Amino acid sequence: MFLFFTSFLIYYSITKVLLLPLLSYFYLVNEGLLIIKQLICQ
């Protein structure tokens, strides 16, 4: 049980480290697209 918990924690931390840059990148892309749309519409 303890081994399962530690492996789950390691897996979770690795995925968190890998997913955070992806999520921030997608967030920035969405923000940029919104700004571009506003500039085009004006």
Protein backbone atom coordinates (compact mmCIF):
# COMPACT_ATOMS: atom_id res chain seq x y z
CA MET A 1 0.00 0.00 0.00
CA PHE A 2 2.81 2.40 0.91
CA LEU A 3 4.68 1.56 -2.30
CA PHE A 4 1.55 2.20 -4.33
CA PHE A 5 1.07 5.56 -2.63
CA THR A 6 4.67 6.67 -3.21
CA SER A 7 4.61 5.59 -6.86
CA PHE A 8 1.34 7.49 -7.29
CA LEU A 9 2.91 10.61 -5.75
CA ILE A 10 5.94 10.34 -8.04
CA TYR A 11 3.71 9.84 -11.09
CA TYR A 12 1.52 12.78 -10.05
CA SER A 13 4.50 15.11 -9.56
CA ILE A 14 5.97 14.13 -12.95
CA THR A 15 2.68 14.69 -14.77
CA LYS A 16 2.19 18.00 -12.92
CA VAL A 17 5.66 19.17 -14.00
CA LEU A 18 4.93 18.11 -17.59
CA LEU A 19 1.39 19.50 -17.73
CA LEU A 20 2.04 22.94 -16.21
CA PRO A 21 4.09 24.24 -19.17
CA LEU A 22 1.51 22.84 -21.60
CA LEU A 23 -1.39 24.45 -19.74
CA SER A 24 0.38 27.80 -19.47
CA TYR A 25 1.30 27.62 -23.17
CA PHE A 26 -2.31 26.97 -24.20
CA TYR A 27 -3.49 29.76 -21.88
CA LEU A 28 -1.04 32.21 -23.47
CA VAL A 29 -2.09 31.12 -26.98
CA ASN A 30 -5.76 31.66 -26.12
CA GLU A 31 -5.04 35.10 -24.64
CA GLY A 32 -3.02 36.04 -27.73
CA LEU A 33 -5.81 34.91 -30.05
CA LEU A 34 -8.35 36.99 -28.12
CA ILE A 35 -6.12 40.07 -28.34
CA ILE A 36 -5.59 39.52 -32.09
CA LYS A 37 -9.35 39.16 -32.63
CA GLN A 38 -10.01 42.41 -30.75
CA LEU A 39 -7.35 44.22 -32.80
CA ILE A 40 -8.82 42.93 -36.08
CA CYS A 41 -12.38 43.83 -35.08
CA GLN A 42 -11.42 47.42 -34.26
